[in-house]
Each structure stands twice: as structure tokens, then as C-alpha cells.
Amino acid sequence: MSLRLGDEAPDFKAASTIGDIRFHEYLGNSWGVLFSHPADYTPVCTTELGRTAQLKDEFDRRNVKVLALSVDTLSQHQGWIRDIEETQQTKVVFPVIADEDRKVAGLYDMIHPNASATATVRSLFVIGPDKKIKLTLTYPASTGRNFNEVLRVIDSLQLTAGHSVATPADWQQGEDVIVVPAISTEEAEKKFPAGLRIVKPYLRYTPQPE
């Protein structure tokens, strides 16, 4: 059965390019991004891992640990990382999991037979400090992921986890947010002293809480 939002992210132990990892223990109190790749030495994935490495400071600033996964071997991963670092002009310091037996791919339903009977699809999971799945994305092999969008979603998830707000379409860090319907306007006026902009009774904006 596929994983759904709010499910606990399955724990696992696996070999990786930084040593053996027990997933939940590795995450600790951090947020996590686990993303899979159909195979090593593939062009789109090479750019994706390179882009993730380039954004290391952005993930660190948000207290996010990133892990990549492919069904290839650890020795293949090590060689591929050298290619990534050469072609993308960056340093890959996050772990790449070797999932030769497809155990992790099975736990996270990363094998889609209509796309490939053996390789993982391009799945991405955002996992909260409570080890619950907060976001899932699945891309076809031909389309590279937008990691600026991943960071934007993490900003929204972290903001909305701590305040009674939601983020509107195309929201960016620092822009106005929406007061959730569960909060009455009277409550919202007290809760958000920066003020409300009421467009409709159900559509109320307030400046982003700090």
C-alpha cells in the first residue's frame, strides 16, 4: 500500500556513501528529504544531485537533512559522485543510499511497474521531526525536479506547523499568508496583531508571522 500524508515514514537501516544509516536515528530532531533516482550515471539525476549539493546551506538553514537513494551499489555511487562533483562543480556531502535489494524502495512504494519493473521512479518525501510524511512528489524519469520548489514547500510546512495559517498559491517567504478557517475573525484579530485583510469571510490574509 502506498504511503499517505500523515503516515509515519518507515524506518530502515541501509548502507550509504557516509556509512550505515538507521533512518529515524539519522534524522534525529531534523526535518528530512528522501528522494530516489532510477539509476546511477543518468543525466537528469546527475543534475538533481548536483543541484541539491549546491543548496546545502539552504537545507541546513531550515534544519533539513537530505538523503538520496538508488538501487545501484555503493561502489557505483562513489564513482557517480565523482562525476557529479566534476560536472556540476560542487561537493556531495549528503548520503546516497545503496538499495540493491530494493528494500527501501519497497517500503516507500518507489517501484512503479508501468514506468519500470526494476528501477525506482523519481519520488521525493518531506518528513517532519515527528517522522510523519508531510509531502510526497513523484516525477517521471524525463523531468528533473525543481529544488527551489522543494525549499518553498518546506518553508510553508515549517511556518504552518507553528501558526494557524496556510500559504496561498505561489506564496514565497515573507509574503502574506491566509488565516485558517478554524480561527474566527475575532480570534484572528487577537492572534495576529499585525492585522487582517478580509477579502471574504473565509479568505483572510495577515502578514507572515515571525
Protein backbone atom coordinates (compact mmCIF):
# COMPACT_ATOMS: atom_id res chain seq x y z
CA MET A 1 0.00 0.00 0.00
CA SER A 2 1.31 3.44 -0.89
CA LEU A 3 2.20 5.90 1.84
CA ARG A 4 -0.10 8.82 2.52
CA LEU A 5 0.34 12.23 4.07
CA GLY A 6 0.43 11.93 7.85
CA ASP A 7 1.67 8.33 7.81
CA GLU A 8 4.81 7.55 9.76
CA ALA A 9 7.80 7.36 7.45
CA PRO A 10 9.04 3.75 7.56
CA ASP A 11 12.30 3.33 9.43
CA PHE A 12 15.10 1.36 7.81
CA LYS A 13 18.78 0.52 8.08
CA ALA A 14 20.85 0.80 4.91
CA ALA A 15 24.38 1.24 3.61
CA SER A 16 25.18 4.69 2.30
CA THR A 17 28.09 6.72 1.00
CA ILE A 18 28.70 8.07 4.53
CA GLY A 19 28.35 4.68 6.26
CA ASP A 20 25.46 2.62 7.60
CA ILE A 21 22.37 4.66 8.42
CA ARG A 22 19.33 3.97 10.56
CA PHE A 23 16.90 6.44 9.08
CA HIS A 24 14.95 7.73 12.08
CA GLU A 25 18.08 7.90 14.20
CA TYR A 26 19.91 9.78 11.44
CA LEU A 27 17.13 12.37 11.18
CA GLY A 28 17.01 12.96 14.92
CA ASN A 29 15.03 16.17 15.52
CA SER A 30 15.61 17.44 11.99
CA TRP A 31 13.32 17.57 9.01
CA GLY A 32 14.21 15.17 6.21
CA VAL A 33 14.09 14.93 2.43
CA LEU A 34 14.37 11.42 0.98
CA PHE A 35 14.48 11.31 -2.80
CA SER A 36 15.02 8.42 -5.19
CA HIS A 37 16.66 8.02 -8.59
CA PRO A 38 16.09 5.38 -11.27
CA ALA A 39 19.80 4.60 -11.63
CA ASP A 40 23.34 5.93 -11.24
CA TYR A 41 25.11 7.60 -14.16
CA THR A 42 21.88 9.01 -15.57
CA PRO A 43 21.88 12.58 -16.88
CA VAL A 44 18.84 14.10 -15.19
CA CYS A 45 19.73 12.56 -11.82
CA THR A 46 23.28 13.87 -12.13
CA THR A 47 21.93 17.42 -12.34
CA GLU A 48 19.50 16.81 -9.48
CA LEU A 49 22.11 15.56 -7.02
CA GLY A 50 24.39 18.38 -8.09
CA ARG A 51 21.69 20.97 -7.51
CA THR A 52 20.87 19.50 -4.10
CA ALA A 53 24.55 19.69 -3.14
CA GLN A 54 24.70 23.33 -4.27
CA LEU A 55 21.75 24.12 -1.97
CA LYS A 56 23.37 22.57 1.13
CA ASP A 57 23.40 25.86 3.06
CA GLU A 58 19.71 26.41 2.30
CA PHE A 59 18.77 22.97 3.60
CA ASP A 60 21.00 23.44 6.67
CA ARG A 61 19.36 26.78 7.43
CA ARG A 62 15.98 25.04 7.53
CA ASN A 63 17.28 22.16 9.70
CA VAL A 64 16.74 19.65 6.88
CA LYS A 65 18.80 16.51 6.29
CA VAL A 66 18.81 15.23 2.71
CA LEU A 67 19.22 11.60 1.63
CA ALA A 68 19.28 10.29 -1.92
CA LEU A 69 18.60 6.70 -2.95
CA SER A 70 19.21 4.46 -5.95
CA VAL A 71 19.07 0.69 -6.42
CA ASP A 72 22.70 0.60 -7.58
CA THR A 73 25.70 -0.45 -5.47
CA LEU A 74 27.77 1.58 -3.06
CA SER A 75 30.83 1.38 -5.32
CA GLN A 76 28.76 2.65 -8.24
CA HIS A 77 27.51 5.51 -6.06
CA GLN A 78 31.06 6.51 -5.19
CA GLY A 79 32.08 6.65 -8.85
CA TRP A 80 28.93 8.53 -9.80
CA ILE A 81 29.50 11.11 -7.05
CA ARG A 82 32.91 11.85 -8.56
CA ASP A 83 31.18 12.53 -11.89
CA ILE A 84 28.54 14.72 -10.20
CA GLU A 85 31.19 16.79 -8.43
CA GLU A 86 33.15 17.21 -11.65
CA THR A 87 30.26 18.09 -13.95
CA GLN A 88 28.17 20.18 -11.51
CA GLN A 89 31.09 21.95 -9.81
CA THR A 90 30.00 21.08 -6.28
CA LYS A 91 30.73 18.74 -3.37
CA VAL A 92 28.24 15.99 -2.49
CA VAL A 93 28.27 15.60 1.29
CA PHE A 94 24.79 14.16 1.90
CA PRO A 95 24.36 10.36 1.96
CA VAL A 96 23.38 8.37 -1.11
CA ILE A 97 21.74 5.10 -0.06
CA ALA A 98 22.61 1.84 -1.82
CA ASP A 99 19.33 -0.07 -2.11
CA GLU A 100 20.45 -3.13 -4.10
CA ASP A 101 17.78 -5.38 -2.60
CA ARG A 102 15.13 -2.70 -3.18
CA LYS A 103 14.07 -2.93 0.46
CA VAL A 104 13.73 0.82 0.95
CA ALA A 105 12.16 1.20 -2.49
CA GLY A 106 9.54 -1.33 -1.41
CA LEU A 107 8.85 0.38 1.90
CA TYR A 108 8.27 3.69 0.13
CA ASP A 109 6.49 2.27 -2.95
CA MET A 110 9.15 3.65 -5.30
CA ILE A 111 8.82 0.88 -7.90
CA HIS A 112 6.02 1.60 -10.37
CA PRO A 113 5.73 -1.32 -12.82
CA ASN A 114 4.10 0.77 -15.55
CA ALA A 115 7.17 3.03 -15.53
CA SER A 116 9.86 0.43 -14.76
CA ALA A 117 9.72 -3.08 -13.35
CA THR A 118 13.09 -2.77 -11.60
CA ALA A 119 14.14 0.87 -11.15
CA THR A 120 12.71 3.44 -8.78
CA VAL A 121 10.62 6.31 -10.05
CA ARG A 122 11.70 9.82 -9.15
CA SER A 123 9.95 10.06 -5.76
CA LEU A 124 10.53 12.68 -3.08
CA PHE A 125 9.31 12.69 0.52
CA VAL A 126 9.47 15.52 3.04
CA ILE A 127 9.42 14.15 6.59
CA GLY A 128 8.88 16.18 9.75
CA PRO A 129 10.75 15.91 13.06
CA ASP A 130 7.81 13.77 14.26
CA LYS A 131 8.77 11.26 11.50
CA LYS A 132 5.44 11.83 9.72
CA ILE A 133 5.25 12.29 5.96
CA LYS A 134 4.42 15.92 5.18
CA LEU A 135 4.76 15.92 1.38
CA THR A 136 5.12 13.44 -1.49
CA LEU A 137 6.12 14.23 -5.07
CA THR A 138 6.59 11.79 -7.95
CA TYR A 139 8.17 12.82 -11.25
CA PRO A 140 8.69 10.85 -14.46
CA ALA A 141 12.25 9.92 -15.39
CA SER A 142 12.35 12.57 -18.11
CA THR A 143 11.60 15.57 -15.87
CA GLY A 144 14.07 16.95 -13.35
CA ARG A 145 12.77 18.15 -10.02
CA ASN A 146 12.60 21.82 -9.05
CA PHE A 147 14.52 22.08 -5.78
CA ASN A 148 13.63 25.73 -5.29
CA GLU A 149 10.04 24.48 -5.10
CA VAL A 150 11.08 21.85 -2.55
CA LEU A 151 12.60 24.60 -0.40
CA ARG A 152 9.48 26.76 -0.84
CA VAL A 153 7.25 23.91 0.31
CA ILE A 154 9.49 23.25 3.33
CA ASP A 155 9.23 26.95 4.25
CA SER A 156 5.44 26.65 4.09
CA LEU A 157 5.35 23.40 6.06
CA GLN A 158 7.56 24.79 8.81
CA LEU A 159 5.61 28.05 9.01
CA THR A 160 2.17 26.48 9.03
CA ALA A 161 3.21 23.86 11.60
CA GLY A 162 3.81 26.62 14.14
CA HIS A 163 0.97 29.06 13.36
CA SER A 164 -2.73 28.87 12.49
CA VAL A 165 -2.11 29.88 8.89
CA ALA A 166 -1.95 28.45 5.39
CA THR A 167 0.01 29.71 2.39
CA PRO A 168 -1.72 30.83 -0.83
CA ALA A 169 -0.86 29.85 -4.38
CA ASP A 170 2.68 30.80 -5.44
CA TRP A 171 3.49 32.02 -1.91
CA GLN A 172 7.09 32.97 -1.22
CA GLN A 173 8.88 33.53 2.07
CA GLY A 174 7.90 36.91 3.56
CA GLU A 175 4.59 37.29 1.74
CA ASP A 176 1.15 37.49 3.34
CA VAL A 177 -0.46 34.25 4.50
CA ILE A 178 -4.04 33.06 4.94
CA VAL A 179 -5.74 32.64 8.32
CA VAL A 180 -7.13 29.10 8.55
CA PRO A 181 -10.96 28.79 8.61
CA ALA A 182 -10.91 27.14 12.06
CA ILE A 183 -9.96 30.51 13.59
CA SER A 184 -12.79 33.04 13.90
CA THR A 185 -12.19 36.61 12.81
CA GLU A 186 -12.46 37.75 16.42
CA GLU A 187 -9.82 35.23 17.47
CA ALA A 188 -7.65 36.10 14.49
CA GLU A 189 -7.64 39.80 15.37
CA LYS A 190 -6.18 38.90 18.77
CA LYS A 191 -3.83 36.21 17.45
CA PHE A 192 -2.40 38.29 14.59
CA PRO A 193 -1.72 41.81 15.88
CA ALA A 194 -0.13 42.80 12.55
CA GLY A 195 -3.68 43.00 11.22
CA LEU A 196 -6.11 41.24 8.91
CA ARG A 197 -7.11 41.90 5.31
CA ILE A 198 -10.55 40.38 4.86
CA VAL A 199 -11.44 39.67 1.23
CA LYS A 200 -14.28 37.27 2.05
CA PRO A 201 -15.33 35.88 5.44
CA TYR A 202 -13.43 32.70 4.54
CA LEU A 203 -10.49 34.43 2.83
CA ARG A 204 -8.49 36.48 5.32
CA TYR A 205 -4.86 37.50 4.90
CA THR A 206 -2.33 38.53 7.52
CA PRO A 207 1.39 39.37 7.31
CA GLN A 208 3.61 36.32 7.72
CA PRO A 209 4.14 35.62 11.44
CA GLU A 210 7.75 35.64 12.59
